[in-house]
Amino acid sequence: INIISSPQARNMALVGGAGPARPADAAVQAIADKVKVSLEQKTGNQFGQFQAVQYRTQVVAGVNYFIKVQVGEKEYIHLRVYQGLPPESSVELSAYQLSKSLEDPLDYFS
């Protein structure tokens, strides 16, 4: 049995399982920005502040991104965004949760 123990291997999500929560970066912010209009249409809200702060990924036939987004001073939402495989790599808002806090865990939801 070969066991891989490298920093890269420890940070990879298992297929079907969600990886650990990590600080959001510019790439995750770009994914959140792509679904902002869809979220605003579905909720009837306009979000002046829309800053991704944390995320997790789940590898499926593409990638599910679970993103915690700050939308007010102490107000957060959770997004589940699906990104398909290349060549399309389409991004779509799959689900969302409103009225979250910074302390709420970023867990799987449907």
C-alpha atoms as a PDB file:
ATOM      1  CA  ILE A   1       0.000   0.000   0.000  1.00  0.00           C
ATOM      2  CA  ASN A   2       1.356   3.402  -0.983  1.00  0.00           C
ATOM      3  CA  ILE A   3       0.335   6.365   1.130  1.00  0.00           C
ATOM      4  CA  ILE A   4       0.801   9.809  -0.332  1.00  0.00           C
ATOM      5  CA  SER A   5       1.561  12.416   2.274  1.00  0.00           C
ATOM      6  CA  SER A   6       2.364  15.709   0.642  1.00  0.00           C
ATOM      7  CA  PRO A   7       0.903  19.166   1.279  1.00  0.00           C
ATOM      8  CA  GLN A   8      -0.839  18.996  -2.113  1.00  0.00           C
ATOM      9  CA  ALA A   9      -2.384  15.586  -1.376  1.00  0.00           C
ATOM     10  CA  ARG A  10      -3.627  16.705   2.047  1.00  0.00           C
ATOM     11  CA  ASN A  11      -5.358  19.748   0.510  1.00  0.00           C
ATOM     12  CA  MET A  12      -7.149  17.816  -2.239  1.00  0.00           C
ATOM     13  CA  ALA A  13     -10.801  16.933  -1.723  1.00  0.00           C
ATOM     14  CA  LEU A  14     -11.845  13.339  -2.173  1.00  0.00           C
ATOM     15  CA  VAL A  15     -14.253  12.716  -5.002  1.00  0.00           C
ATOM     16  CA  GLY A  16     -17.712  13.156  -3.499  1.00  0.00           C
ATOM     17  CA  GLY A  17     -16.419  14.533  -0.196  1.00  0.00           C
ATOM     18  CA  ALA A  18     -16.103  18.222   0.647  1.00  0.00           C
ATOM     19  CA  GLY A  19     -12.623  19.506   1.358  1.00  0.00           C
ATOM     20  CA  PRO A  20     -11.673  21.692   4.315  1.00  0.00           C
ATOM     21  CA  ALA A  21     -12.821  25.309   4.600  1.00  0.00           C
ATOM     22  CA  ARG A  22     -10.222  27.754   3.292  1.00  0.00           C
ATOM     23  CA  PRO A  23      -9.954  31.535   2.975  1.00  0.00           C
ATOM     24  CA  ALA A  24     -11.446  32.781  -0.278  1.00  0.00           C
ATOM     25  CA  ASP A  25      -9.107  34.098  -2.956  1.00  0.00           C
ATOM     26  CA  ALA A  26      -9.591  36.108  -6.154  1.00  0.00           C
ATOM     27  CA  ALA A  27     -10.597  33.011  -8.145  1.00  0.00           C
ATOM     28  CA  VAL A  28     -13.384  32.171  -5.660  1.00  0.00           C
ATOM     29  CA  GLN A  29     -14.526  35.814  -5.643  1.00  0.00           C
ATOM     30  CA  ALA A  30     -14.783  35.647  -9.443  1.00  0.00           C
ATOM     31  CA  ILE A  31     -16.984  32.537  -9.198  1.00  0.00           C
ATOM     32  CA  ALA A  32     -19.236  34.230  -6.614  1.00  0.00           C
ATOM     33  CA  ASP A  33     -19.451  37.346  -8.796  1.00  0.00           C
ATOM     34  CA  LYS A  34     -20.658  35.231 -11.739  1.00  0.00           C
ATOM     35  CA  VAL A  35     -23.776  34.143  -9.797  1.00  0.00           C
ATOM     36  CA  LYS A  36     -24.498  37.445  -7.997  1.00  0.00           C
ATOM     37  CA  VAL A  37     -27.138  38.615 -10.493  1.00  0.00           C
ATOM     38  CA  SER A  38     -28.882  35.226 -10.379  1.00  0.00           C
ATOM     39  CA  LEU A  39     -28.902  35.350  -6.559  1.00  0.00           C
ATOM     40  CA  GLU A  40     -30.295  38.893  -6.564  1.00  0.00           C
ATOM     41  CA  GLN A  41     -33.063  37.842  -8.955  1.00  0.00           C
ATOM     42  CA  LYS A  42     -33.981  34.804  -6.845  1.00  0.00           C
ATOM     43  CA  THR A  43     -33.954  36.657  -3.512  1.00  0.00           C
ATOM     44  CA  GLY A  44     -35.274  40.040  -4.672  1.00  0.00           C
ATOM     45  CA  ASN A  45     -32.335  41.671  -2.837  1.00  0.00           C
ATOM     46  CA  GLN A  46     -29.597  43.936  -4.153  1.00  0.00           C
ATOM     47  CA  PHE A  47     -26.242  43.255  -2.490  1.00  0.00           C
ATOM     48  CA  GLY A  48     -23.977  46.317  -2.356  1.00  0.00           C
ATOM     49  CA  GLN A  49     -21.359  44.369  -0.437  1.00  0.00           C
ATOM     50  CA  PHE A  50     -20.562  40.922  -1.863  1.00  0.00           C
ATOM     51  CA  GLN A  51     -17.230  39.659  -0.552  1.00  0.00           C
ATOM     52  CA  ALA A  52     -16.337  35.958  -0.581  1.00  0.00           C
ATOM     53  CA  VAL A  53     -14.572  35.182   2.700  1.00  0.00           C
ATOM     54  CA  GLN A  54     -14.375  31.385   2.888  1.00  0.00           C
ATOM     55  CA  TYR A  55     -15.007  28.359   0.684  1.00  0.00           C
ATOM     56  CA  ARG A  56     -14.964  24.583   0.434  1.00  0.00           C
ATOM     57  CA  THR A  57     -15.020  22.417  -2.662  1.00  0.00           C
ATOM     58  CA  GLN A  58     -16.606  19.087  -3.487  1.00  0.00           C
ATOM     59  CA  VAL A  59     -15.396  17.196  -6.541  1.00  0.00           C
ATOM     60  CA  VAL A  60     -18.293  15.689  -8.510  1.00  0.00           C
ATOM     61  CA  ALA A  61     -18.703  15.620 -12.313  1.00  0.00           C
ATOM     62  CA  GLY A  62     -17.293  19.126 -12.030  1.00  0.00           C
ATOM     63  CA  VAL A  63     -16.876  21.033  -8.771  1.00  0.00           C
ATOM     64  CA  ASN A  64     -19.363  22.259  -6.173  1.00  0.00           C
ATOM     65  CA  TYR A  65     -18.153  25.408  -4.450  1.00  0.00           C
ATOM     66  CA  PHE A  66     -19.608  26.205  -1.036  1.00  0.00           C
ATOM     67  CA  ILE A  67     -18.883  29.894  -0.539  1.00  0.00           C
ATOM     68  CA  LYS A  68     -19.475  32.111   2.499  1.00  0.00           C
ATOM     69  CA  VAL A  69     -20.122  35.659   1.264  1.00  0.00           C
ATOM     70  CA  GLN A  70     -20.267  38.778   3.428  1.00  0.00           C
ATOM     71  CA  VAL A  71     -23.197  40.949   2.343  1.00  0.00           C
ATOM     72  CA  GLY A  72     -23.370  43.346   5.321  1.00  0.00           C
ATOM     73  CA  GLU A  73     -21.455  44.375   8.431  1.00  0.00           C
ATOM     74  CA  LYS A  74     -22.409  41.186  10.282  1.00  0.00           C
ATOM     75  CA  GLU A  75     -24.500  39.511   7.590  1.00  0.00           C
ATOM     76  CA  TYR A  76     -23.426  36.533   5.525  1.00  0.00           C
ATOM     77  CA  ILE A  77     -24.936  34.132   3.011  1.00  0.00           C
ATOM     78  CA  HIS A  78     -23.842  30.681   1.890  1.00  0.00           C
ATOM     79  CA  LEU A  79     -23.786  29.797  -1.792  1.00  0.00           C
ATOM     80  CA  ARG A  80     -23.520  26.429  -3.495  1.00  0.00           C
ATOM     81  CA  VAL A  81     -22.157  27.022  -6.985  1.00  0.00           C
ATOM     82  CA  TYR A  82     -21.585  24.284  -9.549  1.00  0.00           C
ATOM     83  CA  GLN A  83     -18.787  24.636 -12.084  1.00  0.00           C
ATOM     84  CA  GLY A  84     -18.862  22.136 -14.921  1.00  0.00           C
ATOM     85  CA  LEU A  85     -15.920  20.454 -16.564  1.00  0.00           C
ATOM     86  CA  PRO A  86     -14.056  21.991 -19.497  1.00  0.00           C
ATOM     87  CA  PRO A  87     -14.552  22.869 -22.257  1.00  0.00           C
ATOM     88  CA  GLU A  88     -17.775  24.581 -21.127  1.00  0.00           C
ATOM     89  CA  SER A  89     -16.838  25.138 -17.459  1.00  0.00           C
ATOM     90  CA  SER A  90     -20.243  26.767 -16.975  1.00  0.00           C
ATOM     91  CA  VAL A  91     -21.000  28.231 -13.545  1.00  0.00           C
ATOM     92  CA  GLU A  92     -24.475  28.092 -11.999  1.00  0.00           C
ATOM     93  CA  LEU A  93     -26.019  28.931  -8.641  1.00  0.00           C
ATOM     94  CA  SER A  94     -27.343  25.620  -7.277  1.00  0.00           C
ATOM     95  CA  ALA A  95     -28.584  26.727  -3.848  1.00  0.00           C
ATOM     96  CA  TYR A  96     -28.184  29.448  -1.233  1.00  0.00           C
ATOM     97  CA  GLN A  97     -28.811  30.091   2.449  1.00  0.00           C
ATOM     98  CA  LEU A  98     -29.577  33.559   3.807  1.00  0.00           C
ATOM     99  CA  SER A  99     -29.181  34.985   7.334  1.00  0.00           C
ATOM    100  CA  LYS A 100     -25.854  33.358   8.163  1.00  0.00           C
ATOM    101  CA  SER A 101     -23.136  34.589  10.514  1.00  0.00           C
ATOM    102  CA  LEU A 102     -19.362  34.498  10.284  1.00  0.00           C
ATOM    103  CA  GLU A 103     -19.342  31.694  12.867  1.00  0.00           C
ATOM    104  CA  ASP A 104     -21.818  29.440  11.020  1.00  0.00           C
ATOM    105  CA  PRO A 105     -19.983  26.417   9.608  1.00  0.00           C
ATOM    106  CA  LEU A 106     -19.785  26.131   5.851  1.00  0.00           C
ATOM    107  CA  ASP A 107     -21.306  22.680   5.477  1.00  0.00           C
ATOM    108  CA  TYR A 108     -22.920  20.836   2.561  1.00  0.00           C
ATOM    109  CA  PHE A 109     -26.479  21.918   1.814  1.00  0.00           C
ATOM    110  CA  SER A 110     -28.891  21.340  -1.039  1.00  0.00           C
END
